[in-house]
C-alpha atoms as a PDB file:
ATOM      1  CA  MET A   1       0.000   0.000   0.000  1.00  0.00           C
ATOM      2  CA  GLU A   2       1.227   3.512  -0.748  1.00  0.00           C
ATOM      3  CA  LEU A   3       0.495   6.985   0.548  1.00  0.00           C
ATOM      4  CA  ILE A   4       1.422  10.059  -1.488  1.00  0.00           C
ATOM      5  CA  LEU A   5       2.080  13.103   0.685  1.00  0.00           C
ATOM      6  CA  LYS A   6       1.157  16.683  -0.236  1.00  0.00           C
ATOM      7  CA  ASP A   7       4.765  17.381  -1.255  1.00  0.00           C
ATOM      8  CA  GLY A   8       4.702  14.360  -3.588  1.00  0.00           C
ATOM      9  CA  GLU A   9       6.781  12.084  -1.367  1.00  0.00           C
ATOM     10  CA  LYS A  10       5.708   8.463  -1.671  1.00  0.00           C
ATOM     11  CA  LEU A  11       5.485   6.311   1.450  1.00  0.00           C
ATOM     12  CA  THR A  12       5.158   2.542   1.253  1.00  0.00           C
ATOM     13  CA  PHE A  13       3.406   0.426   3.897  1.00  0.00           C
ATOM     14  CA  ARG A  14       4.237  -3.247   4.315  1.00  0.00           C
ATOM     15  CA  LYS A  15       4.578  -5.993   6.879  1.00  0.00           C
ATOM     16  CA  LEU A  16       7.893  -5.943   8.669  1.00  0.00           C
ATOM     17  CA  ASN A  17      10.101  -8.997   8.361  1.00  0.00           C
ATOM     18  CA  ILE A  18      13.491 -10.060   9.641  1.00  0.00           C
ATOM     19  CA  SER A  19      15.281  -8.354   6.739  1.00  0.00           C
ATOM     20  CA  ASP A  20      14.141  -5.068   8.362  1.00  0.00           C
ATOM     21  CA  TYR A  21      16.015  -5.861  11.588  1.00  0.00           C
ATOM     22  CA  ASP A  22      18.681  -3.121  11.304  1.00  0.00           C
ATOM     23  CA  ASN A  23      16.180  -0.557  10.029  1.00  0.00           C
ATOM     24  CA  VAL A  24      13.815  -1.286  12.934  1.00  0.00           C
ATOM     25  CA  ASN A  25      16.553  -0.876  15.539  1.00  0.00           C
ATOM     26  CA  LYS A  26      17.670   2.401  13.938  1.00  0.00           C
ATOM     27  CA  PHE A  27      14.049   3.607  13.965  1.00  0.00           C
ATOM     28  CA  LEU A  28      13.543   2.633  17.630  1.00  0.00           C
ATOM     29  CA  GLU A  29      16.668   4.546  18.637  1.00  0.00           C
ATOM     30  CA  GLN A  30      15.503   7.603  16.698  1.00  0.00           C
ATOM     31  CA  ILE A  31      11.965   7.490  18.093  1.00  0.00           C
ATOM     32  CA  ALA A  32      13.399   7.207  21.625  1.00  0.00           C
ATOM     33  CA  GLY A  33      15.286  10.464  21.125  1.00  0.00           C
ATOM     34  CA  GLU A  34      12.345  12.297  19.584  1.00  0.00           C
ATOM     35  CA  SER A  35       9.386  11.554  21.789  1.00  0.00           C
ATOM     36  CA  PRO A  36       8.539  11.018  25.458  1.00  0.00           C
ATOM     37  CA  ASN A  37       5.332   9.322  24.256  1.00  0.00           C
ATOM     38  CA  THR A  38       7.029   6.009  23.587  1.00  0.00           C
ATOM     39  CA  ASN A  39       8.191   3.127  25.743  1.00  0.00           C
ATOM     40  CA  GLN A  40      11.526   3.173  23.882  1.00  0.00           C
ATOM     41  CA  TYR A  41      14.471   4.940  25.522  1.00  0.00           C
ATOM     42  CA  VAL A  42      17.835   6.228  24.387  1.00  0.00           C
ATOM     43  CA  GLY A  43      20.520   3.601  24.953  1.00  0.00           C
ATOM     44  CA  GLN A  44      18.032   0.738  24.997  1.00  0.00           C
ATOM     45  CA  PRO A  45      19.687  -2.508  23.878  1.00  0.00           C
ATOM     46  CA  PRO A  46      18.627  -3.579  20.385  1.00  0.00           C
ATOM     47  CA  LYS A  47      15.914  -6.166  20.054  1.00  0.00           C
ATOM     48  CA  LYS A  48      17.336  -9.678  19.818  1.00  0.00           C
ATOM     49  CA  TYR A  49      17.489 -10.966  16.260  1.00  0.00           C
ATOM     50  CA  ALA A  50      16.047 -14.385  17.148  1.00  0.00           C
ATOM     51  CA  ASP A  51      13.144 -12.798  19.047  1.00  0.00           C
ATOM     52  CA  CYS A  52      12.326 -10.533  16.093  1.00  0.00           C
ATOM     53  CA  GLU A  53      12.551 -13.408  13.647  1.00  0.00           C
ATOM     54  CA  LYS A  54      10.067 -15.433  15.688  1.00  0.00           C
ATOM     55  CA  ILE A  55       7.564 -12.665  16.356  1.00  0.00           C
ATOM     56  CA  TYR A  56       7.560 -11.277  12.788  1.00  0.00           C
ATOM     57  CA  ALA A  57       6.660 -14.752  11.535  1.00  0.00           C
ATOM     58  CA  SER A  58       3.896 -15.229  14.125  1.00  0.00           C
ATOM     59  CA  GLU A  59       0.279 -15.368  13.010  1.00  0.00           C
ATOM     60  CA  GLN A  60      -0.687 -13.915  16.397  1.00  0.00           C
ATOM     61  CA  HIS A  61       0.959 -10.546  15.684  1.00  0.00           C
ATOM     62  CA  LEU A  62       0.988  -7.965  12.950  1.00  0.00           C
ATOM     63  CA  PHE A  63       3.922  -5.583  12.532  1.00  0.00           C
ATOM     64  CA  LEU A  64       3.574  -2.927   9.851  1.00  0.00           C
ATOM     65  CA  GLY A  65       6.133  -0.400   8.773  1.00  0.00           C
ATOM     66  CA  VAL A  66       5.972   2.662   6.575  1.00  0.00           C
ATOM     67  CA  PHE A  67       9.059   3.466   4.516  1.00  0.00           C
ATOM     68  CA  ASN A  68      10.157   6.585   2.652  1.00  0.00           C
ATOM     69  CA  ALA A  69      11.808   6.615  -0.798  1.00  0.00           C
ATOM     70  CA  ALA A  70      15.234   6.025   0.790  1.00  0.00           C
ATOM     71  CA  ASP A  71      13.779   2.855   2.394  1.00  0.00           C
ATOM     72  CA  ASP A  72      14.073   4.351   5.882  1.00  0.00           C
ATOM     73  CA  LEU A  73      11.465   3.241   8.387  1.00  0.00           C
ATOM     74  CA  VAL A  74       9.495   6.354   9.396  1.00  0.00           C
ATOM     75  CA  GLY A  75       6.635   4.722  11.296  1.00  0.00           C
ATOM     76  CA  SER A  76       5.573   1.388  12.706  1.00  0.00           C
ATOM     77  CA  CYS A  77       2.627  -0.239  14.371  1.00  0.00           C
ATOM     78  CA  SER A  78       2.004  -3.539  16.024  1.00  0.00           C
ATOM     79  CA  ILE A  79      -1.007  -5.443  17.220  1.00  0.00           C
ATOM     80  CA  GLY A  80      -1.075  -8.831  18.842  1.00  0.00           C
ATOM     81  CA  ILE A  81      -3.393 -11.271  20.509  1.00  0.00           C
ATOM     82  CA  ASP A  82      -2.765 -10.851  24.223  1.00  0.00           C
ATOM     83  CA  LYS A  83      -3.325 -14.410  25.403  1.00  0.00           C
ATOM     84  CA  PRO A  84      -4.183 -16.529  22.369  1.00  0.00           C
ATOM     85  CA  ASN A  85      -4.712 -19.769  24.299  1.00  0.00           C
ATOM     86  CA  HIS A  86      -6.591 -18.289  27.256  1.00  0.00           C
ATOM     87  CA  PRO A  87     -10.223 -19.471  27.444  1.00  0.00           C
ATOM     88  CA  TYR A  88     -11.530 -16.123  28.766  1.00  0.00           C
ATOM     89  CA  MET A  89      -9.159 -13.523  27.327  1.00  0.00           C
ATOM     90  CA  GLY A  90      -8.106 -14.997  24.004  1.00  0.00           C
ATOM     91  CA  LEU A  91     -10.107 -12.478  21.979  1.00  0.00           C
ATOM     92  CA  ASN A  92      -8.320  -9.342  23.216  1.00  0.00           C
ATOM     93  CA  SER A  93      -5.583  -7.596  21.284  1.00  0.00           C
ATOM     94  CA  THR A  94      -3.186  -4.786  22.201  1.00  0.00           C
ATOM     95  CA  PHE A  95      -1.650  -2.273  19.816  1.00  0.00           C
ATOM     96  CA  GLY A  96       1.024   0.402  19.600  1.00  0.00           C
ATOM     97  CA  ILE A  97       1.975   3.054  17.036  1.00  0.00           C
ATOM     98  CA  SER A  98       5.125   5.146  16.552  1.00  0.00           C
ATOM     99  CA  VAL A  99       5.768   7.757  13.867  1.00  0.00           C
ATOM    100  CA  LEU A 100       8.788  10.017  13.457  1.00  0.00           C
ATOM    101  CA  ASN A 101       8.048  13.675  14.218  1.00  0.00           C
ATOM    102  CA  ALA A 102       8.803  14.744  10.627  1.00  0.00           C
ATOM    103  CA  TYR A 103       5.874  12.586   9.461  1.00  0.00           C
ATOM    104  CA  TYR A 104       3.221  13.703  11.967  1.00  0.00           C
ATOM    105  CA  GLY A 105      -0.059  14.780  10.414  1.00  0.00           C
ATOM    106  CA  CYS A 106       0.439  12.933   7.111  1.00  0.00           C
ATOM    107  CA  GLY A 107      -2.262  10.301   7.577  1.00  0.00           C
ATOM    108  CA  ILE A 108       0.095   7.494   8.618  1.00  0.00           C
ATOM    109  CA  GLY A 109      -1.695   6.952  11.934  1.00  0.00           C
ATOM    110  CA  SER A 110      -5.074   6.571  10.231  1.00  0.00           C
ATOM    111  CA  VAL A 111      -3.698   3.994   7.795  1.00  0.00           C
ATOM    112  CA  PHE A 112      -2.186   2.075  10.708  1.00  0.00           C
ATOM    113  CA  MET A 113      -5.455   2.193  12.674  1.00  0.00           C
ATOM    114  CA  GLU A 114      -7.450   0.910   9.705  1.00  0.00           C
ATOM    115  CA  GLU A 115      -4.995  -1.905   8.956  1.00  0.00           C
ATOM    116  CA  MET A 116      -4.814  -3.008  12.597  1.00  0.00           C
ATOM    117  CA  GLU A 117      -8.589  -3.087  12.915  1.00  0.00           C
ATOM    118  CA  LYS A 118      -8.868  -5.052   9.670  1.00  0.00           C
ATOM    119  CA  TRP A 119      -6.345  -7.582  11.025  1.00  0.00           C
ATOM    120  CA  ALA A 120      -8.188  -7.803  14.368  1.00  0.00           C
ATOM    121  CA  ARG A 121     -11.490  -8.450  12.617  1.00  0.00           C
ATOM    122  CA  GLU A 122      -9.907 -11.147  10.433  1.00  0.00           C
ATOM    123  CA  LYS A 123      -8.616 -12.791  13.631  1.00  0.00           C
ATOM    124  CA  LYS A 124     -12.115 -12.555  15.143  1.00  0.00           C
ATOM    125  CA  MET A 125     -10.915 -10.344  17.996  1.00  0.00           C
ATOM    126  CA  HIS A 126     -13.558  -8.877  20.274  1.00  0.00           C
ATOM    127  CA  ARG A 127     -11.493  -5.998  21.613  1.00  0.00           C
ATOM    128  CA  ILE A 128      -8.518  -3.793  20.755  1.00  0.00           C
ATOM    129  CA  GLN A 129      -6.830  -1.994  23.616  1.00  0.00           C
ATOM    130  CA  GLY A 130      -3.850   0.179  24.307  1.00  0.00           C
ATOM    131  CA  GLU A 131      -2.272   2.725  26.566  1.00  0.00           C
ATOM    132  CA  VAL A 132      -1.418   6.341  25.766  1.00  0.00           C
ATOM    133  CA  ARG A 133       0.233   9.129  27.743  1.00  0.00           C
ATOM    134  CA  ALA A 134      -2.503  11.511  28.923  1.00  0.00           C
ATOM    135  CA  GLU A 135      -0.623  14.510  27.489  1.00  0.00           C
ATOM    136  CA  ASN A 136      -0.360  12.948  24.015  1.00  0.00           C
ATOM    137  CA  ARG A 137      -3.331  14.851  22.600  1.00  0.00           C
ATOM    138  CA  ARG A 138      -2.435  14.074  18.975  1.00  0.00           C
ATOM    139  CA  ALA A 139      -2.609  10.309  19.556  1.00  0.00           C
ATOM    140  CA  ILE A 140      -5.731  10.536  21.723  1.00  0.00           C
ATOM    141  CA  SER A 141      -7.482  12.491  18.971  1.00  0.00           C
ATOM    142  CA  LEU A 142      -6.481   9.836  16.410  1.00  0.00           C
ATOM    143  CA  TYR A 143      -7.765   7.004  18.596  1.00  0.00           C
ATOM    144  CA  ILE A 144     -11.085   8.706  19.321  1.00  0.00           C
ATOM    145  CA  LYS A 145     -11.490   9.468  15.596  1.00  0.00           C
ATOM    146  CA  HIS A 146     -11.209   5.702  15.004  1.00  0.00           C
ATOM    147  CA  GLY A 147     -13.841   4.764  17.571  1.00  0.00           C
ATOM    148  CA  PHE A 148     -11.750   4.206  20.704  1.00  0.00           C
ATOM    149  CA  SER A 149     -12.808   5.393  24.139  1.00  0.00           C
ATOM    150  CA  ILE A 150     -10.782   6.396  27.154  1.00  0.00           C
ATOM    151  CA  GLU A 151     -11.618   3.706  29.687  1.00  0.00           C
ATOM    152  CA  GLY A 152      -9.491   4.709  32.619  1.00  0.00           C
ATOM    153  CA  CYS A 153      -6.496   6.587  33.922  1.00  0.00           C
ATOM    154  CA  ALA A 154      -3.357   5.231  35.552  1.00  0.00           C
ATOM    155  CA  LYS A 155      -1.725   7.892  37.693  1.00  0.00           C
ATOM    156  CA  GLU A 156       1.964   8.762  37.490  1.00  0.00           C
ATOM    157  CA  THR A 157       3.101   5.969  35.189  1.00  0.00           C
ATOM    158  CA  ALA A 158       6.181   7.693  33.724  1.00  0.00           C
ATOM    159  CA  TRP A 159       8.740  10.190  35.066  1.00  0.00           C
ATOM    160  CA  ILE A 160       9.473  12.498  32.114  1.00  0.00           C
ATOM    161  CA  ASN A 161      11.347  15.793  32.097  1.00  0.00           C
ATOM    162  CA  GLY A 162      11.140  16.153  35.865  1.00  0.00           C
ATOM    163  CA  LYS A 163       7.474  15.368  36.367  1.00  0.00           C
ATOM    164  CA  TRP A 164       5.128  12.420  36.607  1.00  0.00           C
ATOM    165  CA  MET A 165       2.874  11.674  33.638  1.00  0.00           C
ATOM    166  CA  ASP A 166      -0.425   9.815  33.703  1.00  0.00           C
ATOM    167  CA  SER A 167      -1.546   7.270  31.122  1.00  0.00           C
ATOM    168  CA  TYR A 168      -4.975   6.502  29.734  1.00  0.00           C
ATOM    169  CA  TYR A 169      -6.263   3.047  29.003  1.00  0.00           C
ATOM    170  CA  ILE A 170      -8.109   3.089  25.701  1.00  0.00           C
ATOM    171  CA  GLY A 171     -10.205   0.458  24.017  1.00  0.00           C
ATOM    172  CA  LYS A 172     -12.598  -0.386  21.248  1.00  0.00           C
ATOM    173  CA  ILE A 173     -15.092  -3.230  21.114  1.00  0.00           C
ATOM    174  CA  LEU A 174     -15.356  -4.684  17.615  1.00  0.00           C
ATOM    175  CA  LYS A 175     -18.957  -5.436  16.642  1.00  0.00           C
END
């Protein structure tokens, strides 16, 4: 799938695979330096190759990336079945999205949301859930636009720039 930006730049969306290993680690390091709204952090050890190989091949997860013309990863999303073998909770899925600051507002988040929901419906999921920093208004707006609701607040979940930040639990029931 492709997205043409207003300036004519072409972005390409595709499933991530193990050949993207170096690109993914570079992206995670960059995102860690750009945004406090991620769980990544500067100096974080790279993901283990064997772990990535296994999870990218899993049918219980979807990892999408969006690449620019130079084949640099500029955004990623993931969704996975939380407890696939659990008799009570096997129909819940959790997601996450990261986009480089230079690509905010281009429609990448909406494409990711639509693709993740499509995947969840194909997997017969009942629920998609996630967590977002309460001050991340841009992401909250995106999630609400795509039918998510704020379901709760966890107080003081992250110490960022000298102060505690809250997080919201968000969710969407698929009907």
